[in-house]
């Protein structure tokens, strides 16, 4: 005989399990449906964390947290918020990549909105069926899953990247989970493993491209902006051929943000801002080599060029201070395989004629001669004499001793950031970079790295983690209701992050730790909102920005029980924190 759970227990938005008081159990017909003890949220937190710690590996912890998310949303976010530095790699990169690979096989319940290229006419209906009004949504995170982290194309399974991104927004910046929508655009997949998997849940054919794809993106943007005019439209893990084009075509029309392009560029900019405080040099004097000219690498170049322009250089001159090196070597304007977004940085072939005498590209980073005449990383460093070297190549070991020492010969304090992740893809470990430069390099990494002891100095290695920046950027955009995300807002976010690092002592980290992301995100949000107001793109300009940001940050705690069928608590009850701070979500949003 089936004994279904009462709705208040089965809905993660209302369920609080053993925290229901005796009065609530009586009123909601829960007598006999729970153990006798009444636990506080703090006690539930302790038990849930103990259960989490007993999981055998990172993927099992991810699964446990997702199951908790499905049962009790407040408790899930309390666990995440209280242990964010520890759990960030579990709910997001790198563990979420493993969860994405298993999504179709481990599917338990839908979370988010699934939009199919085969049914573009259903976009509006799918979003309208959430039952949300124009003032009820702050954020939509959307992916087409073509370039998920470092694992590539995973089709509809990529919805988990949108879910994970929003979990970080909520835990780190207090975005109300009931005002955020994860979305996946299922446009097919080129992953043959998925196409041949009988349990795969997505559109079973190769990726749609060209006009049908562009029309699908346009329809999504127009519909989402029409239904939720105040929401930030966050784009995540789109392929390099689409990400930049979508952003450039729509940045002036919609409140749109691409973390892979803008967030990665801005957090790297923050690290550079800190490094320049140490070197005492200006942006306009920098020379930059970026190894890995994909979406992330070019996004970083864009942010650094914008900083040079703000420091007095003309745009063309700033772009000439950047050299991009990719799998085909240094990018030059006579190459016929350049992507649109790479062309602005391609060097004139005549300018570098003769450089190729020193060899072609080598994955080990050493010069060698081949028949192509391509210009490798080491040759580029020797000839361009950069002050900044950034790696987004995912080619391990390519920042060799030869590359680092060549750079250190002409720069007193070389700035070297190996940003690729996970660990097995990093260009060089910071310990090696410091040893090869005799401790003079200023370095940050894309992975967590333990401090390095060298020559009596303890070097703390900052992690260029986008989570230091995008949650606060999103919150500041929402609080100010900025009509678009401007370069000034990105700069303000980067400077706010850099301002939290104390770089005065030898070996100090160039970036703040991720251990106090919530306070850090609030600081970033205030700076971003202030920039939006000063640039005239804000629709809301609170007199007290600090208090406005604090008021907007949702707290994971049990609030009043919402009205349920057959159980009226009277008017004014809603799910969430203190009603005075609640932006107004309603129980009907459990559809998400």
Protein backbone atom coordinates (compact mmCIF):
# COMPACT_ATOMS: atom_id res chain seq x y z
CA UNK A 1 0.00 0.00 0.00
CA UNK A 2 1.40 3.38 -1.02
CA UNK A 3 1.81 5.98 1.72
CA UNK A 4 2.65 9.18 -0.11
CA UNK A 5 4.41 11.95 1.73
CA UNK A 6 2.37 15.06 2.48
CA UNK A 7 3.14 17.86 0.00
CA UNK A 8 4.92 19.93 2.65
CA UNK A 9 7.44 17.08 3.12
CA UNK A 10 7.85 16.16 -0.54
CA UNK A 11 8.52 19.70 -1.78
CA UNK A 12 12.17 20.75 -1.15
CA UNK A 13 11.06 24.39 -0.94
CA UNK A 14 8.86 23.72 2.09
CA UNK A 15 10.32 20.59 3.63
CA UNK A 16 12.29 21.12 6.81
CA UNK A 17 12.16 17.51 8.00
CA UNK A 18 12.81 17.06 11.70
CA UNK A 19 12.87 20.84 12.21
CA UNK A 20 9.07 21.08 12.02
CA UNK A 21 7.89 22.17 15.46
CA UNK A 22 5.19 20.29 17.37
CA UNK A 23 2.71 23.08 16.55
CA UNK A 24 3.58 22.92 12.84
CA UNK A 25 3.26 19.12 12.80
CA UNK A 26 -0.21 19.38 14.32
CA UNK A 27 -1.35 22.13 11.97
CA UNK A 28 0.05 20.52 8.82
CA UNK A 29 -1.18 16.98 9.55
CA UNK A 30 2.35 15.69 10.10
CA UNK A 31 1.66 13.95 13.40
CA UNK A 32 3.21 10.50 13.23
CA UNK A 33 5.02 11.23 9.98
CA UNK A 34 8.30 12.27 11.62
CA UNK A 35 10.46 11.04 14.51
CA UNK A 36 9.55 12.65 17.83
CA UNK A 37 12.65 14.83 18.24
CA UNK A 38 12.55 18.40 16.96
CA UNK A 39 15.97 19.51 15.70
CA UNK A 40 17.20 23.00 14.98
CA UNK A 41 18.68 23.91 11.59
CA UNK A 42 22.11 23.96 13.24
CA UNK A 43 21.62 20.39 14.46
CA UNK A 44 20.42 19.28 11.03
CA UNK A 45 23.49 20.96 9.55
CA UNK A 46 25.78 18.95 11.83
CA UNK A 47 24.12 15.66 10.89
CA UNK A 48 24.08 16.42 7.15
CA UNK A 49 27.76 17.40 7.20
CA UNK A 50 28.65 14.20 9.05
CA UNK A 51 26.76 12.19 6.42
CA UNK A 52 28.57 14.10 3.68
CA UNK A 53 31.96 13.36 5.23
CA UNK A 54 31.23 9.63 5.18
CA UNK A 55 30.89 9.60 1.40
CA UNK A 56 33.80 7.71 -0.17
CA UNK A 57 34.85 10.17 -2.90
CA UNK A 58 34.13 13.53 -4.51
CA UNK A 59 31.50 12.22 -6.94
CA UNK A 60 29.63 10.45 -4.13
CA UNK A 61 29.66 13.74 -2.20
CA UNK A 62 28.24 15.52 -5.24
CA UNK A 63 25.45 12.94 -5.49
CA UNK A 64 24.71 13.24 -1.77
CA UNK A 65 24.44 17.02 -2.00
CA UNK A 66 22.16 16.80 -5.03
CA UNK A 67 19.90 14.41 -3.12
CA UNK A 68 19.85 16.84 -0.20
CA UNK A 69 19.04 19.63 -2.66
CA UNK A 70 16.08 17.54 -3.85
CA UNK A 71 14.84 17.04 -0.26
CA UNK A 72 15.46 20.26 1.64
CA UNK A 73 16.63 23.36 -0.18
CA UNK A 74 17.32 25.50 2.89
CA UNK A 75 19.44 22.82 4.55
CA UNK A 76 21.33 22.22 1.29
CA UNK A 77 22.30 25.86 1.00
CA UNK A 78 23.18 26.09 4.69
CA UNK A 79 25.61 23.18 4.32
CA UNK A 80 27.06 24.74 1.18
CA UNK A 81 27.35 28.25 2.60
CA UNK A 82 28.99 27.11 5.85
CA UNK A 83 31.58 24.94 4.05
CA UNK A 84 31.87 26.78 0.75
CA UNK A 85 35.64 26.68 0.27
CA UNK A 86 35.61 22.92 0.87
CA UNK A 87 32.53 22.17 -1.21
CA UNK A 88 33.05 24.52 -4.16
CA UNK A 89 35.08 21.83 -6.00
CA UNK A 90 32.32 19.32 -5.22
CA UNK A 91 29.27 21.21 -6.47
CA UNK A 92 31.19 22.84 -9.32
CA UNK A 93 34.53 22.39 -11.07
CA UNK A 94 36.03 19.78 -11.17
CA UNK A 95 33.58 17.23 -9.69
CA UNK A 96 30.53 18.53 -11.56
CA UNK A 97 32.27 17.35 -14.75
CA UNK A 98 32.04 13.75 -13.55
CA UNK A 99 28.41 14.26 -12.56
CA UNK A 100 27.66 15.64 -16.04
CA UNK A 101 29.16 12.58 -17.69
CA UNK A 102 26.83 10.37 -15.62
CA UNK A 103 23.73 12.59 -15.82
CA UNK A 104 21.60 10.52 -18.21
CA UNK A 105 22.39 7.33 -16.28
CA UNK A 106 21.93 8.82 -12.81
CA UNK A 107 18.87 10.95 -13.64
CA UNK A 108 16.60 11.30 -10.60
CA UNK A 109 14.43 14.37 -11.07
CA UNK A 110 14.36 17.31 -13.49
CA UNK A 111 15.86 20.56 -12.28
CA UNK A 112 15.70 23.55 -14.58
CA UNK A 113 14.20 24.26 -17.98
CA UNK A 114 15.01 22.08 -21.00
CA UNK A 115 14.60 23.82 -24.35
CA UNK A 116 14.88 21.66 -27.45
CA UNK A 117 16.02 22.80 -30.89
CA UNK A 118 13.32 20.51 -32.28
CA UNK A 119 10.61 22.55 -30.56
CA UNK A 120 11.62 26.22 -30.70
CA UNK A 121 7.97 27.20 -30.61
CA UNK A 122 7.84 25.89 -27.02
CA UNK A 123 10.36 28.35 -25.56
CA UNK A 124 7.74 30.80 -24.34
CA UNK A 125 5.42 28.13 -23.00
CA UNK A 126 8.25 26.40 -21.13
CA UNK A 127 9.23 29.62 -19.37
CA UNK A 128 5.65 30.76 -18.79
CA UNK A 129 4.74 27.42 -17.18
CA UNK A 130 7.02 28.32 -14.28
CA UNK A 131 4.27 30.69 -13.17
CA UNK A 132 6.64 33.61 -12.60
CA UNK A 133 5.91 37.26 -13.17
CA UNK A 134 8.17 39.94 -14.63
CA UNK A 135 9.49 40.94 -11.20
CA UNK A 136 9.99 37.40 -9.89
CA UNK A 137 13.29 36.40 -11.55
CA UNK A 138 16.79 37.78 -10.98
CA UNK A 139 18.97 35.34 -12.92
CA UNK A 140 18.88 32.75 -15.68
CA UNK A 141 22.01 30.68 -16.30
CA UNK A 142 21.93 29.05 -19.73
CA UNK A 143 24.28 26.65 -21.49
CA UNK A 144 24.31 24.78 -24.76
CA UNK A 145 26.99 22.50 -23.24
CA UNK A 146 29.34 22.55 -26.21
CA UNK A 147 32.45 23.30 -24.15
CA UNK A 148 31.79 22.08 -20.62
CA UNK A 149 34.78 22.94 -18.41
CA UNK A 150 37.65 20.81 -19.73
CA UNK A 151 35.51 17.86 -20.87
CA UNK A 152 33.92 19.19 -24.06
CA UNK A 153 30.48 18.53 -25.54
CA UNK A 154 27.97 16.80 -23.26
CA UNK A 155 24.63 17.80 -24.73
CA UNK A 156 21.63 17.95 -22.44
CA UNK A 157 23.73 16.52 -19.59
CA UNK A 158 25.23 20.00 -19.35
CA UNK A 159 22.16 21.27 -17.51
CA UNK A 160 24.13 20.42 -14.38
CA UNK A 161 26.58 23.21 -15.14
CA UNK A 162 23.73 25.71 -14.98
CA UNK A 163 22.46 24.16 -11.74
CA UNK A 164 25.95 24.20 -10.21
CA UNK A 165 26.64 27.77 -11.27
CA UNK A 166 23.44 28.98 -9.64
CA UNK A 167 24.27 27.05 -6.47
CA UNK A 168 27.48 29.08 -6.22
CA UNK A 169 25.60 32.33 -6.91
CA UNK A 170 23.27 31.53 -4.01
CA UNK A 171 25.86 30.27 -1.54
CA UNK A 172 28.45 32.95 -2.31
CA UNK A 173 26.29 36.01 -3.01
CA UNK A 174 22.89 35.23 -1.53
CA UNK A 175 20.86 35.16 -4.74
CA UNK A 176 17.47 33.76 -3.77
CA UNK A 177 17.35 30.22 -5.20
CA UNK A 178 13.67 30.64 -5.95
CA UNK A 179 14.41 33.63 -8.19
CA UNK A 180 16.97 31.82 -10.35
CA UNK A 181 16.38 29.52 -13.32
CA UNK A 182 18.87 27.01 -14.75
CA UNK A 183 18.37 26.49 -18.49
CA UNK A 184 19.87 24.12 -21.06
CA UNK A 185 19.56 24.69 -24.80
CA UNK A 186 19.51 21.18 -26.24
CA UNK A 187 20.75 21.68 -29.80
CA UNK A 188 22.08 18.15 -30.26
CA UNK A 189 25.60 16.88 -29.60
CA UNK A 190 28.68 15.82 -31.51
CA UNK A 191 29.65 13.46 -28.71
CA UNK A 192 29.36 10.02 -30.31
CA UNK A 193 29.40 8.30 -26.93
CA UNK A 194 26.16 10.07 -26.08
CA UNK A 195 24.59 9.52 -29.49
CA UNK A 196 25.21 5.78 -29.17
CA UNK A 197 24.04 5.60 -25.56
CA UNK A 198 20.46 4.22 -25.38
CA UNK A 199 19.92 6.04 -22.05
CA UNK A 200 20.99 9.48 -23.31
CA UNK A 201 18.20 11.97 -22.56
CA UNK A 202 18.88 14.68 -25.14
CA UNK A 203 18.22 15.36 -28.81
CA UNK A 204 19.86 12.41 -30.55
CA UNK A 205 21.67 13.99 -33.51
CA UNK A 206 24.66 16.15 -34.28
CA UNK A 207 24.76 19.76 -33.18
CA UNK A 208 22.63 22.26 -35.02
CA UNK A 209 24.61 25.10 -36.57
CA UNK A 210 24.10 28.09 -38.80
CA UNK A 211 20.84 30.01 -39.10
CA UNK A 212 18.63 27.52 -37.18
CA UNK A 213 21.03 27.75 -34.22
CA UNK A 214 21.20 31.55 -34.38
CA UNK A 215 17.40 31.78 -34.63
CA UNK A 216 17.09 29.53 -31.56
CA UNK A 217 19.47 31.74 -29.55
CA UNK A 218 17.64 34.87 -30.69
CA UNK A 219 14.28 33.39 -29.70
CA UNK A 220 15.58 32.42 -26.26
CA UNK A 221 17.04 35.86 -25.59
CA UNK A 222 13.98 37.74 -26.78
CA UNK A 223 11.58 35.54 -24.81
CA UNK A 224 13.60 35.49 -21.57
CA UNK A 225 14.07 39.27 -21.68
CA UNK A 226 10.40 39.83 -22.42
CA UNK A 227 9.12 37.60 -19.62
CA UNK A 228 11.77 38.55 -17.05
CA UNK A 229 12.92 42.07 -17.99
CA UNK A 230 15.03 42.63 -14.86
CA UNK A 231 16.92 39.31 -14.93
CA UNK A 232 20.60 38.90 -15.74
CA UNK A 233 21.06 36.44 -18.61
CA UNK A 234 24.20 34.48 -17.81
CA UNK A 235 25.75 32.39 -20.63
CA UNK A 236 27.97 29.46 -19.65
CA UNK A 237 30.21 27.00 -21.53
CA UNK A 238 29.21 27.85 -25.09
CA UNK A 239 31.67 26.84 -27.81
CA UNK A 240 34.33 29.35 -28.90
CA UNK A 241 32.69 29.78 -32.29
CA UNK A 242 29.48 31.01 -30.65
CA UNK A 243 30.28 32.49 -27.24
CA UNK A 244 31.97 35.70 -28.34
CA UNK A 245 29.67 36.25 -31.30
CA UNK A 246 26.54 35.92 -29.15
CA UNK A 247 27.95 38.33 -26.58
CA UNK A 248 29.06 40.95 -29.09
CA UNK A 249 25.79 40.86 -31.02
CA UNK A 250 23.60 41.16 -27.93
CA UNK A 251 25.55 43.01 -25.22
CA UNK A 252 23.91 46.35 -26.06
CA UNK A 253 20.38 44.89 -26.34
CA UNK A 254 20.15 42.60 -23.34
CA UNK A 255 21.41 42.31 -19.78
CA UNK A 256 23.84 39.53 -20.77
CA UNK A 257 27.04 38.17 -19.21
CA UNK A 258 29.40 35.42 -20.35
CA UNK A 259 31.54 34.12 -17.51
CA UNK A 260 33.97 32.23 -19.75
CA UNK A 261 34.82 35.42 -21.62
CA UNK A 262 34.17 38.23 -19.16
CA UNK A 263 34.46 36.50 -15.80
CA UNK A 264 37.71 34.70 -16.59
CA UNK A 265 39.13 37.89 -18.06
CA UNK A 266 38.10 39.97 -15.06
CA UNK A 267 39.49 37.62 -12.39
CA UNK A 268 42.79 37.49 -14.29
CA UNK A 269 42.69 41.28 -14.51
CA UNK A 270 42.27 41.35 -10.72
CA UNK A 271 45.42 39.26 -10.28
CA UNK A 272 47.32 41.53 -12.66
CA UNK A 273 46.13 44.62 -10.76
CA UNK A 274 47.62 43.11 -7.59
CA UNK A 275 50.84 42.14 -9.37
CA UNK A 276 51.34 45.66 -10.73
CA UNK A 277 51.08 47.00 -7.18
CA UNK A 278 54.14 44.87 -6.42
CA UNK A 279 56.09 45.77 -9.56
CA UNK A 280 55.15 49.45 -9.41
CA UNK A 281 54.52 49.54 -13.16
CA UNK A 282 51.52 50.74 -15.16
CA UNK A 283 49.14 48.86 -17.45
CA UNK A 284 50.23 50.92 -20.44
CA UNK A 285 53.77 49.54 -20.05
CA UNK A 286 52.84 45.85 -20.14
CA UNK A 287 53.56 43.35 -22.91
CA UNK A 288 51.40 40.22 -22.77
CA UNK A 289 51.76 36.73 -24.22
CA UNK A 290 48.67 34.53 -23.93
CA UNK A 291 49.29 30.83 -24.58
CA UNK A 292 45.95 29.31 -25.55
CA UNK A 293 43.88 31.52 -27.85
CA UNK A 294 40.45 30.07 -27.16
CA UNK A 295 37.45 31.72 -25.53
CA UNK A 296 39.14 32.15 -22.15
CA UNK A 297 42.49 33.32 -23.50
CA UNK A 298 41.02 35.95 -25.79
CA UNK A 299 38.61 37.05 -23.06
CA UNK A 300 41.62 37.69 -20.83
CA UNK A 301 43.36 39.58 -23.63
CA UNK A 302 40.25 41.74 -24.08
CA UNK A 303 40.20 42.71 -20.40
CA UNK A 304 43.91 43.54 -20.30
CA UNK A 305 43.67 45.60 -23.48
CA UNK A 306 40.71 47.50 -22.03
CA UNK A 307 42.81 48.23 -18.93
CA UNK A 308 45.66 49.54 -21.11
CA UNK A 309 43.22 51.80 -22.96
CA UNK A 310 41.91 53.18 -19.66
CA UNK A 311 45.55 53.84 -18.77
CA UNK A 312 46.05 56.06 -21.80
CA UNK A 313 46.87 53.87 -24.81
CA UNK A 314 44.96 53.99 -28.06
CA UNK A 315 43.01 50.74 -28.71
CA UNK A 316 45.19 49.74 -31.66
CA UNK A 317 48.40 50.32 -29.70
CA UNK A 318 47.03 48.33 -26.73
CA UNK A 319 46.16 45.40 -29.00
CA UNK A 320 49.69 45.47 -30.42
CA UNK A 321 50.99 44.76 -26.92
CA UNK A 322 49.36 41.31 -26.94
CA UNK A 323 50.73 38.17 -28.62
CA UNK A 324 48.46 35.10 -28.89
CA UNK A 325 50.01 31.65 -29.27
CA UNK A 326 47.83 28.64 -30.00
CA UNK A 327 48.26 25.13 -31.38
CA UNK A 328 49.32 26.56 -34.77
CA UNK A 329 51.91 28.79 -33.10
CA UNK A 330 51.93 32.56 -32.86
CA UNK A 331 48.81 33.86 -34.58
CA UNK A 332 49.64 35.91 -37.67
CA UNK A 333 47.40 37.63 -40.17
CA UNK A 334 48.36 35.31 -43.03
CA UNK A 335 46.79 32.28 -41.33
CA UNK A 336 43.57 31.08 -42.95
CA UNK A 337 42.23 29.16 -39.94
CA UNK A 338 41.80 32.04 -37.49
CA UNK A 339 38.49 32.52 -35.71
CA UNK A 340 36.78 35.89 -35.91
CA UNK A 341 37.61 36.79 -32.33
CA UNK A 342 41.32 36.02 -32.83
CA UNK A 343 41.87 38.27 -35.85
CA UNK A 344 42.20 41.52 -33.87
CA UNK A 345 45.29 40.09 -32.19
CA UNK A 346 46.95 38.40 -35.16
CA UNK A 347 50.43 39.83 -35.72
CA UNK A 348 51.37 41.12 -39.17
CA UNK A 349 53.27 38.34 -40.91
CA UNK A 350 55.92 40.82 -42.06
CA UNK A 351 56.54 41.90 -38.46
CA UNK A 352 57.57 38.42 -37.33
CA UNK A 353 59.30 37.27 -40.52
CA UNK A 354 62.54 35.62 -39.49
CA UNK A 355 61.28 34.60 -36.04
CA UNK A 356 60.41 31.13 -37.37
CA UNK A 357 64.09 30.38 -37.89
CA UNK A 358 64.02 29.36 -34.26
CA UNK A 359 61.44 26.65 -34.74
CA UNK A 360 57.85 25.53 -34.64
CA UNK A 361 55.54 24.87 -31.72
CA UNK A 362 56.47 22.16 -29.28
CA UNK A 363 54.10 20.93 -26.58
CA UNK A 364 57.07 20.77 -24.23
CA UNK A 365 57.62 24.49 -24.76
CA UNK A 366 61.07 24.21 -26.38
CA UNK A 367 62.02 25.75 -29.70
CA UNK A 368 62.52 23.41 -32.60
CA UNK A 369 62.71 23.75 -36.35
CA UNK A 370 60.05 22.17 -38.58
CA UNK A 371 58.87 22.61 -42.13
CA UNK A 372 55.90 24.77 -41.23
CA UNK A 373 57.86 27.77 -40.05
CA UNK A 374 55.44 28.21 -37.16
CA UNK A 375 56.55 30.35 -34.23
CA UNK A 376 56.45 28.57 -30.90
CA UNK A 377 55.96 29.82 -27.36
CA UNK A 378 59.63 30.00 -26.45
CA UNK A 379 60.49 31.94 -29.60
CA UNK A 380 57.60 34.32 -28.95
CA UNK A 381 58.80 34.95 -25.39
CA UNK A 382 62.34 35.57 -26.56
CA UNK A 383 61.28 37.97 -29.30
CA UNK A 384 58.28 39.75 -27.73
CA UNK A 385 59.94 40.11 -24.30
CA UNK A 386 56.63 40.03 -22.38
CA UNK A 387 56.12 41.26 -18.85
CA UNK A 388 53.06 39.01 -18.45
CA UNK A 389 52.66 35.38 -19.54
CA UNK A 390 49.26 33.73 -19.21
CA UNK A 391 48.40 30.10 -19.90
CA UNK A 392 44.92 28.91 -20.89
CA UNK A 393 46.13 26.17 -23.23
CA UNK A 394 45.31 23.01 -21.22
CA UNK A 395 48.68 21.75 -22.57
CA UNK A 396 50.57 20.46 -19.52
CA UNK A 397 54.21 21.27 -18.98
CA UNK A 398 54.44 23.94 -21.67
CA UNK A 399 55.77 26.66 -19.36
CA UNK A 400 59.20 25.01 -19.27
CA UNK A 401 62.35 26.13 -17.51
CA UNK A 402 63.55 27.60 -20.83
CA UNK A 403 60.37 29.67 -21.20
CA UNK A 404 60.46 30.97 -17.63
CA UNK A 405 64.16 31.80 -17.61
CA UNK A 406 63.89 33.49 -21.02
CA UNK A 407 61.20 35.74 -19.59
CA UNK A 408 63.08 36.39 -16.35
CA UNK A 409 66.17 37.60 -18.28
CA UNK A 410 64.47 40.80 -19.36
CA UNK A 411 61.88 41.33 -16.57
CA UNK A 412 62.81 41.87 -12.93
CA UNK A 413 59.47 40.53 -11.64
CA UNK A 414 57.84 38.44 -14.39
CA UNK A 415 54.08 37.90 -14.01
CA UNK A 416 53.32 34.28 -14.92
CA UNK A 417 49.85 32.78 -14.55
CA UNK A 418 49.37 29.08 -15.50
CA UNK A 419 45.56 29.08 -15.41
CA UNK A 420 44.64 25.78 -17.05
CA UNK A 421 42.86 23.18 -14.95
CA UNK A 422 42.53 20.51 -13.69
CA UNK A 423 45.98 19.80 -12.26
CA UNK A 424 46.99 17.40 -15.01
CA UNK A 425 46.50 20.17 -17.60
CA UNK A 426 48.36 23.05 -15.91
CA UNK A 427 51.17 24.67 -17.94
CA UNK A 428 53.56 24.53 -14.96
CA UNK A 429 53.27 24.24 -11.22
CA UNK A 430 53.93 27.53 -9.39
CA UNK A 431 56.66 25.83 -7.33
CA UNK A 432 58.63 25.22 -10.53
CA UNK A 433 58.01 28.73 -11.85
CA UNK A 434 59.28 30.21 -8.59
CA UNK A 435 62.36 27.95 -8.54
CA UNK A 436 63.28 28.72 -12.16
CA UNK A 437 62.90 32.47 -11.58
CA UNK A 438 64.79 32.39 -8.26
CA UNK A 439 61.62 33.43 -6.43
CA UNK A 440 61.07 36.58 -8.48
CA UNK A 441 58.01 35.52 -10.47
CA UNK A 442 54.61 36.76 -9.41
CA UNK A 443 52.27 33.85 -9.98
CA UNK A 444 48.71 32.69 -9.56
CA UNK A 445 47.11 29.47 -10.76
CA UNK A 446 43.79 28.14 -11.96
CA UNK A 447 43.86 25.35 -9.38
CA UNK A 448 44.27 25.33 -5.58
CA UNK A 449 48.00 25.16 -4.79
CA UNK A 450 49.74 24.81 -1.43
CA UNK A 451 52.14 27.59 -0.36
CA UNK A 452 55.72 27.30 -1.63
CA UNK A 453 58.74 27.78 0.65
CA UNK A 454 61.73 29.18 -1.25
CA UNK A 455 64.82 31.07 -0.05
CA UNK A 456 63.22 31.70 3.31
CA UNK A 457 60.05 33.19 1.83
CA UNK A 458 56.63 31.56 2.05
CA UNK A 459 54.87 32.20 -1.27
CA UNK A 460 51.08 31.96 -1.02
CA UNK A 461 49.63 31.07 -4.43
CA UNK A 462 46.35 32.78 -5.24
CA UNK A 463 43.74 30.84 -7.17
CA UNK A 464 42.28 32.71 -10.15
CA UNK A 465 38.85 31.27 -9.44
CA UNK A 466 35.97 33.00 -11.18
CA UNK A 467 33.86 32.39 -8.07
CA UNK A 468 35.76 35.26 -6.46
CA UNK A 469 34.16 37.60 -8.98
CA UNK A 470 30.99 36.51 -10.79
CA UNK A 471 28.69 36.07 -7.75
CA UNK A 472 29.34 39.64 -6.62
CA UNK A 473 29.11 40.92 -10.18
CA UNK A 474 25.72 39.28 -10.55
CA UNK A 475 24.47 40.59 -7.22
CA UNK A 476 25.63 44.12 -7.98
CA UNK A 477 23.95 44.02 -11.38
CA UNK A 478 20.71 42.83 -9.81
CA UNK A 479 20.72 45.37 -6.96
CA UNK A 480 21.37 48.26 -9.36
CA UNK A 481 19.13 46.79 -12.07
CA UNK A 482 21.81 47.72 -14.57
CA UNK A 483 20.48 47.62 -18.13
CA UNK A 484 23.69 45.96 -19.31
CA UNK A 485 27.03 44.73 -17.98
CA UNK A 486 29.62 47.35 -18.92
CA UNK A 487 33.41 47.24 -19.08
CA UNK A 488 33.42 49.68 -16.19
CA UNK A 489 31.41 47.28 -14.06
CA UNK A 490 33.83 44.46 -14.89
CA UNK A 491 36.78 46.69 -13.98
CA UNK A 492 35.08 47.66 -10.72
CA UNK A 493 34.58 43.97 -9.90
CA UNK A 494 38.24 43.18 -10.67
CA UNK A 495 39.53 46.09 -8.59
CA UNK A 496 37.23 45.14 -5.70
CA UNK A 497 38.64 41.61 -5.73
CA UNK A 498 42.22 42.87 -5.96
CA UNK A 499 41.57 45.31 -3.14
CA UNK A 500 40.91 42.42 -0.80
CA UNK A 501 44.40 40.95 -1.34
CA UNK A 502 47.18 42.24 0.91
CA UNK A 503 50.23 42.21 -1.34
CA UNK A 504 52.61 44.25 0.80
CA UNK A 505 54.48 41.31 2.37
CA UNK A 506 56.96 39.18 0.38
CA UNK A 507 55.26 36.11 -1.09
CA UNK A 508 51.75 37.39 -0.41
CA UNK A 509 48.90 36.04 -2.50
CA UNK A 510 47.78 38.18 -5.43
CA UNK A 511 44.15 37.21 -4.79
CA UNK A 512 42.00 36.85 -1.67
CA UNK A 513 41.18 33.35 -0.41
CA UNK A 514 37.91 31.67 -1.36
CA UNK A 515 37.23 30.89 2.31
CA UNK A 516 35.08 33.98 2.89
CA UNK A 517 33.31 34.30 -0.43
CA UNK A 518 30.09 35.67 0.99
CA UNK A 519 31.71 38.78 2.48
CA UNK A 520 33.95 39.12 -0.56
CA UNK A 521 30.96 38.94 -2.92
CA UNK A 522 29.16 41.66 -0.99
CA UNK A 523 32.18 43.95 -1.40
CA UNK A 524 32.31 43.24 -5.13
CA UNK A 525 28.55 43.81 -5.47
CA UNK A 526 28.76 47.27 -3.91
CA UNK A 527 31.57 48.26 -6.28
CA UNK A 528 29.69 46.93 -9.31
CA UNK A 529 26.45 48.69 -8.36
CA UNK A 530 28.33 51.93 -7.78
CA UNK A 531 29.95 51.64 -11.22
CA UNK A 532 26.58 50.97 -12.87
CA UNK A 533 25.14 54.07 -11.24
CA UNK A 534 28.10 56.27 -12.21
CA UNK A 535 27.93 55.06 -15.82
CA UNK A 536 24.22 55.82 -16.06
CA UNK A 537 23.06 52.25 -16.78
CA UNK A 538 21.39 51.63 -13.39
CA UNK A 539 17.62 51.70 -13.00
CA UNK A 540 17.94 51.59 -9.20
CA UNK A 541 20.27 53.81 -7.18
CA UNK A 542 19.89 53.15 -3.44
CA UNK A 543 21.25 55.85 -1.15
CA UNK A 544 22.91 53.25 1.05
CA UNK A 545 24.43 50.71 -1.35
CA UNK A 546 26.06 48.66 1.39
CA UNK A 547 22.74 48.13 3.16
CA UNK A 548 20.92 47.52 -0.12
CA UNK A 549 23.35 44.71 -0.96
CA UNK A 550 23.02 43.18 2.50
CA UNK A 551 19.22 43.34 2.29
CA UNK A 552 19.27 41.59 -1.08
CA UNK A 553 21.30 38.62 0.16
CA UNK A 554 19.09 35.61 0.94
CA UNK A 555 19.98 33.70 4.09
CA UNK A 556 19.46 29.91 4.26
CA UNK A 557 17.15 29.68 7.24
CA UNK A 558 13.63 28.49 7.84
CA UNK A 559 11.00 31.19 7.38
CA UNK A 560 7.21 31.12 7.63
CA UNK A 561 5.46 28.12 6.08
CA UNK A 562 3.81 29.19 2.79
CA UNK A 563 0.14 28.75 2.12
CA UNK A 564 -0.57 25.15 1.17
CA UNK A 565 -3.73 23.56 -0.24
CA UNK A 566 -6.04 22.98 2.68
CA UNK A 567 -3.71 24.71 5.15
CA UNK A 568 -4.11 28.47 5.31
CA UNK A 569 -1.82 30.38 7.66
CA UNK A 570 -3.46 33.60 6.62
CA UNK A 571 -2.11 36.29 4.29
CA UNK A 572 1.46 37.31 3.96
CA UNK A 573 3.26 33.99 4.39
CA UNK A 574 5.92 33.07 1.90
CA UNK A 575 8.87 30.78 1.59
CA UNK A 576 12.23 32.32 2.36
CA UNK A 577 13.96 34.50 4.93
CA UNK A 578 12.50 37.42 6.82
CA UNK A 579 9.44 38.64 4.87
CA UNK A 580 10.80 42.18 5.02
CA UNK A 581 13.80 41.06 2.96
CA UNK A 582 12.03 38.54 0.75
CA UNK A 583 11.82 39.69 -2.89
CA UNK A 584 8.52 37.89 -3.25
CA UNK A 585 8.91 34.28 -4.45
CA UNK A 586 5.90 32.06 -4.05
CA UNK A 587 5.30 28.37 -3.41
CA UNK A 588 4.24 27.77 -7.00
CA UNK A 589 7.90 28.00 -8.06
CA UNK A 590 8.46 24.46 -6.89
CA UNK A 591 8.04 23.60 -10.59
CA UNK A 592 11.77 24.32 -10.88
